[in-house]
Amino acid sequence: MVTVKSGDTHLLFQNPAIKWVWTPRELERFRKMWEDGADILKIAKRFKVGQLTIALLIMDQADLGEIKQRQHGLYGK
């Protein structure tokens, strides 16, 4: 973890609870839950991570074209 000590800068996402590494199997499960309309809280509970981790994963997977935008976004069906 990188820590910035200067009062003039801010390093984003220093939260040690963020899960940065995902296995192919976890990604498959995440994508299935997303396609099935699961909300962000349900997905976070399933993977035992915080909602911030899932929000970052959603942005990552959308940017890569692995998931599509949903009518109700993070809130699912």
PDB file of N, CA and C in Angstrom:
ATOM      1  N   MET A   1       0.836  -1.173   0.000  1.00  0.00           N
ATOM      2  CA  MET A   1       0.000   0.000   0.000  1.00  0.00           C
ATOM      3  C   MET A   1       0.887   1.243   0.000  1.00  0.00           C
ATOM      4  N   VAL A   2       0.491   2.209  -0.791  1.00  0.00           N
ATOM      5  CA  VAL A   2       1.217   3.471  -0.879  1.00  0.00           C
ATOM      6  C   VAL A   2       0.516   4.484   0.012  1.00  0.00           C
ATOM      7  N   THR A   3       1.261   5.179   0.820  1.00  0.00           N
ATOM      8  CA  THR A   3       0.701   6.213   1.673  1.00  0.00           C
ATOM      9  C   THR A   3       1.345   7.545   1.319  1.00  0.00           C
ATOM     10  N   VAL A   4       0.512   8.544   1.109  1.00  0.00           N
ATOM     11  CA  VAL A   4       0.996   9.885   0.793  1.00  0.00           C
ATOM     12  C   VAL A   4       0.990  10.688   2.084  1.00  0.00           C
ATOM     13  N   LYS A   5       2.114  11.285   2.431  1.00  0.00           N
ATOM     14  CA  LYS A   5       2.223  12.022   3.681  1.00  0.00           C
ATOM     15  C   LYS A   5       2.153  13.526   3.485  1.00  0.00           C
ATOM     16  N   SER A   6       2.202  13.982   2.247  1.00  0.00           N
ATOM     17  CA  SER A   6       2.142  15.410   1.983  1.00  0.00           C
ATOM     18  C   SER A   6       0.716  15.907   2.174  1.00  0.00           C
ATOM     19  N   GLY A   7       0.554  17.079   2.738  1.00  0.00           N
ATOM     20  CA  GLY A   7      -0.768  17.651   2.927  1.00  0.00           C
ATOM     21  C   GLY A   7      -1.364  18.211   1.651  1.00  0.00           C
ATOM     22  N   ASP A   8      -0.584  18.265   0.565  1.00  0.00           N
ATOM     23  CA  ASP A   8      -1.043  18.866  -0.681  1.00  0.00           C
ATOM     24  C   ASP A   8      -1.579  17.854  -1.690  1.00  0.00           C
ATOM     25  N   THR A   9      -1.487  16.587  -1.402  1.00  0.00           N
ATOM     26  CA  THR A   9      -1.945  15.572  -2.354  1.00  0.00           C
ATOM     27  C   THR A   9      -2.866  14.562  -1.681  1.00  0.00           C
ATOM     28  N   HIS A  10      -3.637  13.922  -2.517  1.00  0.00           N
ATOM     29  CA  HIS A  10      -4.537  12.881  -2.037  1.00  0.00           C
ATOM     30  C   HIS A  10      -4.454  11.698  -2.990  1.00  0.00           C
ATOM     31  N   LEU A  11      -4.133  10.538  -2.487  1.00  0.00           N
ATOM     32  CA  LEU A  11      -4.080   9.324  -3.282  1.00  0.00           C
ATOM     33  C   LEU A  11      -5.405   8.600  -3.141  1.00  0.00           C
ATOM     34  N   LEU A  12      -6.065   8.360  -4.266  1.00  0.00           N
ATOM     35  CA  LEU A  12      -7.371   7.702  -4.256  1.00  0.00           C
ATOM     36  C   LEU A  12      -7.282   6.252  -3.804  1.00  0.00           C
ATOM     37  N   PHE A  13      -8.328   5.785  -3.181  1.00  0.00           N
ATOM     38  CA  PHE A  13      -8.529   4.377  -2.848  1.00  0.00           C
ATOM     39  C   PHE A  13      -7.395   3.745  -2.055  1.00  0.00           C
ATOM     40  N   GLN A  14      -7.062   4.350  -0.948  1.00  0.00           N
ATOM     41  CA  GLN A  14      -6.066   3.767  -0.051  1.00  0.00           C
ATOM     42  C   GLN A  14      -6.702   2.748   0.897  1.00  0.00           C
ATOM     43  N   ASN A  15      -7.978   2.526   0.730  1.00  0.00           N
ATOM     44  CA  ASN A  15      -8.725   1.603   1.591  1.00  0.00           C
ATOM     45  C   ASN A  15      -8.179   0.180   1.441  1.00  0.00           C
ATOM     46  N   PRO A  16      -7.623  -0.394   2.504  1.00  0.00           N
ATOM     47  CA  PRO A  16      -7.069  -1.748   2.396  1.00  0.00           C
ATOM     48  C   PRO A  16      -8.138  -2.832   2.236  1.00  0.00           C
ATOM     49  N   ALA A  17      -9.401  -2.480   2.431  1.00  0.00           N
ATOM     50  CA  ALA A  17     -10.470  -3.472   2.314  1.00  0.00           C
ATOM     51  C   ALA A  17     -10.904  -3.697   0.866  1.00  0.00           C
ATOM     52  N   ILE A  18     -10.424  -2.891  -0.065  1.00  0.00           N
ATOM     53  CA  ILE A  18     -10.816  -3.067  -1.470  1.00  0.00           C
ATOM     54  C   ILE A  18     -10.137  -4.304  -2.032  1.00  0.00           C
ATOM     55  N   LYS A  19     -10.940  -5.154  -2.640  1.00  0.00           N
ATOM     56  CA  LYS A  19     -10.424  -6.361  -3.291  1.00  0.00           C
ATOM     57  C   LYS A  19     -10.046  -5.986  -4.712  1.00  0.00           C
ATOM     58  N   TRP A  20      -8.766  -6.099  -5.047  1.00  0.00           N
ATOM     59  CA  TRP A  20      -8.284  -5.687  -6.364  1.00  0.00           C
ATOM     60  C   TRP A  20      -8.107  -6.853  -7.326  1.00  0.00           C
ATOM     61  N   VAL A  21      -7.987  -8.064  -6.827  1.00  0.00           N
ATOM     62  CA  VAL A  21      -7.691  -9.223  -7.679  1.00  0.00           C
ATOM     63  C   VAL A  21      -8.885 -10.171  -7.683  1.00  0.00           C
ATOM     64  N   TRP A  22      -9.314 -10.564  -8.883  1.00  0.00           N
ATOM     65  CA  TRP A  22     -10.471 -11.440  -9.071  1.00  0.00           C
ATOM     66  C   TRP A  22     -10.090 -12.624  -9.935  1.00  0.00           C
ATOM     67  N   THR A  23     -10.539 -13.811  -9.548  1.00  0.00           N
ATOM     68  CA  THR A  23     -10.274 -15.008 -10.356  1.00  0.00           C
ATOM     69  C   THR A  23     -11.270 -15.063 -11.517  1.00  0.00           C
ATOM     70  N   PRO A  24     -10.946 -15.808 -12.557  1.00  0.00           N
ATOM     71  CA  PRO A  24     -11.903 -15.965 -13.661  1.00  0.00           C
ATOM     72  C   PRO A  24     -13.258 -16.508 -13.192  1.00  0.00           C
ATOM     73  N   ARG A  25     -13.234 -17.432 -12.259  1.00  0.00           N
ATOM     74  CA  ARG A  25     -14.490 -18.004 -11.740  1.00  0.00           C
ATOM     75  C   ARG A  25     -15.323 -16.945 -11.005  1.00  0.00           C
ATOM     76  N   GLU A  26     -14.664 -16.109 -10.202  1.00  0.00           N
ATOM     77  CA  GLU A  26     -15.374 -15.040  -9.503  1.00  0.00           C
ATOM     78  C   GLU A  26     -15.978 -14.058 -10.500  1.00  0.00           C
ATOM     79  N   LEU A  27     -15.218 -13.743 -11.548  1.00  0.00           N
ATOM     80  CA  LEU A  27     -15.736 -12.825 -12.567  1.00  0.00           C
ATOM     81  C   LEU A  27     -16.952 -13.415 -13.270  1.00  0.00           C
ATOM     82  N   GLU A  28     -16.916 -14.695 -13.562  1.00  0.00           N
ATOM     83  CA  GLU A  28     -18.077 -15.356 -14.176  1.00  0.00           C
ATOM     84  C   GLU A  28     -19.298 -15.254 -13.261  1.00  0.00           C
ATOM     85  N   ARG A  29     -19.100 -15.526 -11.982  1.00  0.00           N
ATOM     86  CA  ARG A  29     -20.209 -15.453 -11.015  1.00  0.00           C
ATOM     87  C   ARG A  29     -20.739 -14.021 -10.906  1.00  0.00           C
ATOM     88  N   PHE A  30     -19.817 -13.059 -10.858  1.00  0.00           N
ATOM     89  CA  PHE A  30     -20.231 -11.662 -10.802  1.00  0.00           C
ATOM     90  C   PHE A  30     -21.069 -11.296 -12.028  1.00  0.00           C
ATOM     91  N   ARG A  31     -20.568 -11.640 -13.216  1.00  0.00           N
ATOM     92  CA  ARG A  31     -21.284 -11.295 -14.452  1.00  0.00           C
ATOM     93  C   ARG A  31     -22.665 -11.941 -14.500  1.00  0.00           C
ATOM     94  N   LYS A  32     -22.774 -13.169 -14.023  1.00  0.00           N
ATOM     95  CA  LYS A  32     -24.073 -13.859 -13.993  1.00  0.00           C
ATOM     96  C   LYS A  32     -25.028 -13.129 -13.046  1.00  0.00           C
ATOM     97  N   MET A  33     -24.543 -12.758 -11.873  1.00  0.00           N
ATOM     98  CA  MET A  33     -25.386 -12.033 -10.926  1.00  0.00           C
ATOM     99  C   MET A  33     -25.828 -10.698 -11.517  1.00  0.00           C
ATOM    100  N   TRP A  34     -24.903 -10.008 -12.199  1.00  0.00           N
ATOM    101  CA  TRP A  34     -25.219  -8.729 -12.832  1.00  0.00           C
ATOM    102  C   TRP A  34     -26.312  -8.930 -13.892  1.00  0.00           C
ATOM    103  N   GLU A  35     -26.126  -9.932 -14.751  1.00  0.00           N
ATOM    104  CA  GLU A  35     -27.105 -10.218 -15.805  1.00  0.00           C
ATOM    105  C   GLU A  35     -28.460 -10.604 -15.227  1.00  0.00           C
ATOM    106  N   ASP A  36     -28.450 -11.287 -14.093  1.00  0.00           N
ATOM    107  CA  ASP A  36     -29.696 -11.725 -13.454  1.00  0.00           C
ATOM    108  C   ASP A  36     -30.388 -10.604 -12.687  1.00  0.00           C
ATOM    109  N   GLY A  37     -29.738  -9.436 -12.596  1.00  0.00           N
ATOM    110  CA  GLY A  37     -30.366  -8.283 -11.967  1.00  0.00           C
ATOM    111  C   GLY A  37     -30.103  -8.104 -10.492  1.00  0.00           C
ATOM    112  N   ALA A  38     -29.093  -8.803  -9.950  1.00  0.00           N
ATOM    113  CA  ALA A  38     -28.780  -8.651  -8.526  1.00  0.00           C
ATOM    114  C   ALA A  38     -28.318  -7.224  -8.242  1.00  0.00           C
ATOM    115  N   ASP A  39     -28.727  -6.691  -7.093  1.00  0.00           N
ATOM    116  CA  ASP A  39     -28.308  -5.335  -6.730  1.00  0.00           C
ATOM    117  C   ASP A  39     -26.904  -5.359  -6.122  1.00  0.00           C
ATOM    118  N   ILE A  40     -26.310  -4.189  -6.015  1.00  0.00           N
ATOM    119  CA  ILE A  40     -24.925  -4.067  -5.550  1.00  0.00           C
ATOM    120  C   ILE A  40     -24.738  -4.638  -4.149  1.00  0.00           C
ATOM    121  N   LEU A  41     -25.712  -4.471  -3.269  1.00  0.00           N
ATOM    122  CA  LEU A  41     -25.592  -4.985  -1.903  1.00  0.00           C
ATOM    123  C   LEU A  41     -25.565  -6.518  -1.902  1.00  0.00           C
ATOM    124  N   LYS A  42     -26.450  -7.138  -2.693  1.00  0.00           N
ATOM    125  CA  LYS A  42     -26.489  -8.600  -2.765  1.00  0.00           C
ATOM    126  C   LYS A  42     -25.176  -9.141  -3.327  1.00  0.00           C
ATOM    127  N   ILE A  43     -24.638  -8.486  -4.352  1.00  0.00           N
ATOM    128  CA  ILE A  43     -23.373  -8.932  -4.939  1.00  0.00           C
ATOM    129  C   ILE A  43     -22.246  -8.790  -3.919  1.00  0.00           C
ATOM    130  N   ALA A  44     -22.213  -7.670  -3.214  1.00  0.00           N
ATOM    131  CA  ALA A  44     -21.175  -7.442  -2.196  1.00  0.00           C
ATOM    132  C   ALA A  44     -21.247  -8.512  -1.101  1.00  0.00           C
ATOM    133  N   LYS A  45     -22.448  -8.834  -0.668  1.00  0.00           N
ATOM    134  CA  LYS A  45     -22.604  -9.869   0.364  1.00  0.00           C
ATOM    135  C   LYS A  45     -22.127 -11.216  -0.150  1.00  0.00           C
ATOM    136  N   ARG A  46     -22.462 -11.536  -1.383  1.00  0.00           N
ATOM    137  CA  ARG A  46     -22.073 -12.827  -1.969  1.00  0.00           C
ATOM    138  C   ARG A  46     -20.556 -12.995  -1.974  1.00  0.00           C
ATOM    139  N   PHE A  47     -19.833 -11.913  -2.301  1.00  0.00           N
ATOM    140  CA  PHE A  47     -18.382 -11.991  -2.385  1.00  0.00           C
ATOM    141  C   PHE A  47     -17.685 -11.548  -1.094  1.00  0.00           C
ATOM    142  N   LYS A  48     -18.475 -11.192  -0.084  1.00  0.00           N
ATOM    143  CA  LYS A  48     -17.957 -10.779   1.220  1.00  0.00           C
ATOM    144  C   LYS A  48     -16.984  -9.607   1.091  1.00  0.00           C
ATOM    145  N   VAL A  49     -17.418  -8.599   0.328  1.00  0.00           N
ATOM    146  CA  VAL A  49     -16.636  -7.387   0.131  1.00  0.00           C
ATOM    147  C   VAL A  49     -17.561  -6.192   0.304  1.00  0.00           C
ATOM    148  N   GLY A  50     -16.995  -5.009   0.337  1.00  0.00           N
ATOM    149  CA  GLY A  50     -17.789  -3.801   0.461  1.00  0.00           C
ATOM    150  C   GLY A  50     -18.379  -3.367  -0.869  1.00  0.00           C
ATOM    151  N   GLN A  51     -19.360  -2.483  -0.782  1.00  0.00           N
ATOM    152  CA  GLN A  51     -20.007  -1.981  -1.984  1.00  0.00           C
ATOM    153  C   GLN A  51     -19.045  -1.184  -2.869  1.00  0.00           C
ATOM    154  N   LEU A  52     -18.062  -0.534  -2.270  1.00  0.00           N
ATOM    155  CA  LEU A  52     -17.080   0.201  -3.062  1.00  0.00           C
ATOM    156  C   LEU A  52     -16.310  -0.749  -3.980  1.00  0.00           C
ATOM    157  N   THR A  53     -15.927  -1.906  -3.465  1.00  0.00           N
ATOM    158  CA  THR A  53     -15.234  -2.901  -4.289  1.00  0.00           C
ATOM    159  C   THR A  53     -16.091  -3.298  -5.478  1.00  0.00           C
ATOM    160  N   ILE A  54     -17.374  -3.544  -5.240  1.00  0.00           N
ATOM    161  CA  ILE A  54     -18.255  -3.962  -6.333  1.00  0.00           C
ATOM    162  C   ILE A  54     -18.478  -2.817  -7.315  1.00  0.00           C
ATOM    163  N   ALA A  55     -18.603  -1.601  -6.819  1.00  0.00           N
ATOM    164  CA  ALA A  55     -18.757  -0.453  -7.723  1.00  0.00           C
ATOM    165  C   ALA A  55     -17.546  -0.327  -8.640  1.00  0.00           C
ATOM    166  N   LEU A  56     -16.354  -0.526  -8.093  1.00  0.00           N
ATOM    167  CA  LEU A  56     -15.140  -0.474  -8.910  1.00  0.00           C
ATOM    168  C   LEU A  56     -15.105  -1.622  -9.921  1.00  0.00           C
ATOM    169  N   LEU A  57     -15.536  -2.801  -9.488  1.00  0.00           N
ATOM    170  CA  LEU A  57     -15.588  -3.950 -10.393  1.00  0.00           C
ATOM    171  C   LEU A  57     -16.582  -3.704 -11.524  1.00  0.00           C
ATOM    172  N   ILE A  58     -17.723  -3.117 -11.197  1.00  0.00           N
ATOM    173  CA  ILE A  58     -18.722  -2.792 -12.224  1.00  0.00           C
ATOM    174  C   ILE A  58     -18.120  -1.833 -13.254  1.00  0.00           C
ATOM    175  N   MET A  59     -17.445  -0.794 -12.787  1.00  0.00           N
ATOM    176  CA  MET A  59     -16.823   0.157 -13.718  1.00  0.00           C
ATOM    177  C   MET A  59     -15.779  -0.533 -14.585  1.00  0.00           C
ATOM    178  N   ASP A  60     -14.974  -1.389 -13.980  1.00  0.00           N
ATOM    179  CA  ASP A  60     -13.943  -2.115 -14.715  1.00  0.00           C
ATOM    180  C   ASP A  60     -14.556  -3.002 -15.792  1.00  0.00           C
ATOM    181  N   GLN A  61     -15.548  -3.789 -15.397  1.00  0.00           N
ATOM    182  CA  GLN A  61     -16.151  -4.735 -16.335  1.00  0.00           C
ATOM    183  C   GLN A  61     -16.936  -4.031 -17.439  1.00  0.00           C
ATOM    184  N   ALA A  62     -17.564  -2.923 -17.113  1.00  0.00           N
ATOM    185  CA  ALA A  62     -18.271  -2.136 -18.133  1.00  0.00           C
ATOM    186  C   ALA A  62     -17.275  -1.527 -19.111  1.00  0.00           C
ATOM    187  N   ASP A  63     -16.172  -1.005 -18.595  1.00  0.00           N
ATOM    188  CA  ASP A  63     -15.139  -0.410 -19.440  1.00  0.00           C
ATOM    189  C   ASP A  63     -14.548  -1.438 -20.408  1.00  0.00           C
ATOM    190  N   LEU A  64     -14.432  -2.677 -19.951  1.00  0.00           N
ATOM    191  CA  LEU A  64     -13.897  -3.754 -20.789  1.00  0.00           C
ATOM    192  C   LEU A  64     -14.955  -4.353 -21.716  1.00  0.00           C
ATOM    193  N   GLY A  65     -16.212  -3.908 -21.560  1.00  0.00           N
ATOM    194  CA  GLY A  65     -17.293  -4.437 -22.390  1.00  0.00           C
ATOM    195  C   GLY A  65     -17.790  -5.808 -21.961  1.00  0.00           C
ATOM    196  N   GLU A  66     -17.476  -6.206 -20.731  1.00  0.00           N
ATOM    197  CA  GLU A  66     -17.877  -7.523 -20.232  1.00  0.00           C
ATOM    198  C   GLU A  66     -19.299  -7.536 -19.674  1.00  0.00           C
ATOM    199  N   ILE A  67     -19.791  -6.386 -19.240  1.00  0.00           N
ATOM    200  CA  ILE A  67     -21.178  -6.278 -18.796  1.00  0.00           C
ATOM    201  C   ILE A  67     -21.806  -5.086 -19.494  1.00  0.00           C
ATOM    202  N   LYS A  68     -23.133  -5.118 -19.557  1.00  0.00           N
ATOM    203  CA  LYS A  68     -23.870  -4.033 -20.197  1.00  0.00           C
ATOM    204  C   LYS A  68     -24.611  -3.216 -19.151  1.00  0.00           C
ATOM    205  N   GLN A  69     -24.887  -1.982 -19.518  1.00  0.00           N
ATOM    206  CA  GLN A  69     -25.659  -1.108 -18.647  1.00  0.00           C
ATOM    207  C   GLN A  69     -27.042  -1.708 -18.436  1.00  0.00           C
ATOM    208  N   ARG A  70     -27.566  -1.541 -17.216  1.00  0.00           N
ATOM    209  CA  ARG A  70     -28.900  -2.054 -16.897  1.00  0.00           C
ATOM    210  C   ARG A  70     -29.841  -0.889 -16.663  1.00  0.00           C
ATOM    211  N   GLN A  71     -31.111  -1.141 -16.869  1.00  0.00           N
ATOM    212  CA  GLN A  71     -32.119  -0.094 -16.692  1.00  0.00           C
ATOM    213  C   GLN A  71     -32.065   0.511 -15.294  1.00  0.00           C
ATOM    214  N   HIS A  72     -31.889  -0.295 -14.286  1.00  0.00           N
ATOM    215  CA  HIS A  72     -31.868   0.205 -12.914  1.00  0.00           C
ATOM    216  C   HIS A  72     -30.464   0.252 -12.319  1.00  0.00           C
ATOM    217  N   GLY A  73     -29.450   0.172 -13.151  1.00  0.00           N
ATOM    218  CA  GLY A  73     -28.063   0.344 -12.727  1.00  0.00           C
ATOM    219  C   GLY A  73     -27.652  -0.526 -11.543  1.00  0.00           C
ATOM    220  N   LEU A  74     -27.056   0.109 -10.546  1.00  0.00           N
ATOM    221  CA  LEU A  74     -26.552  -0.605  -9.376  1.00  0.00           C
ATOM    222  C   LEU A  74     -27.654  -1.305  -8.585  1.00  0.00           C
ATOM    223  N   TYR A  75     -28.868  -0.826  -8.729  1.00  0.00           N
ATOM    224  CA  TYR A  75     -29.977  -1.345  -7.910  1.00  0.00           C
ATOM    225  C   TYR A  75     -30.646  -2.580  -8.505  1.00  0.00           C
ATOM    226  N   GLY A  76     -30.255  -2.983  -9.697  1.00  0.00           N
ATOM    227  CA  GLY A  76     -30.773  -4.216 -10.274  1.00  0.00           C
ATOM    228  C   GLY A  76     -32.247  -4.148 -10.611  1.00  0.00           C
ATOM    229  N   LYS A  77     -32.874  -5.303 -10.539  1.00  0.00           N
ATOM    230  CA  LYS A  77     -34.299  -5.399 -10.896  1.00  0.00           C
ATOM    231  C   LYS A  77     -35.189  -4.902  -9.802  1.00  0.00           C
TER     232      LYS A  77
END
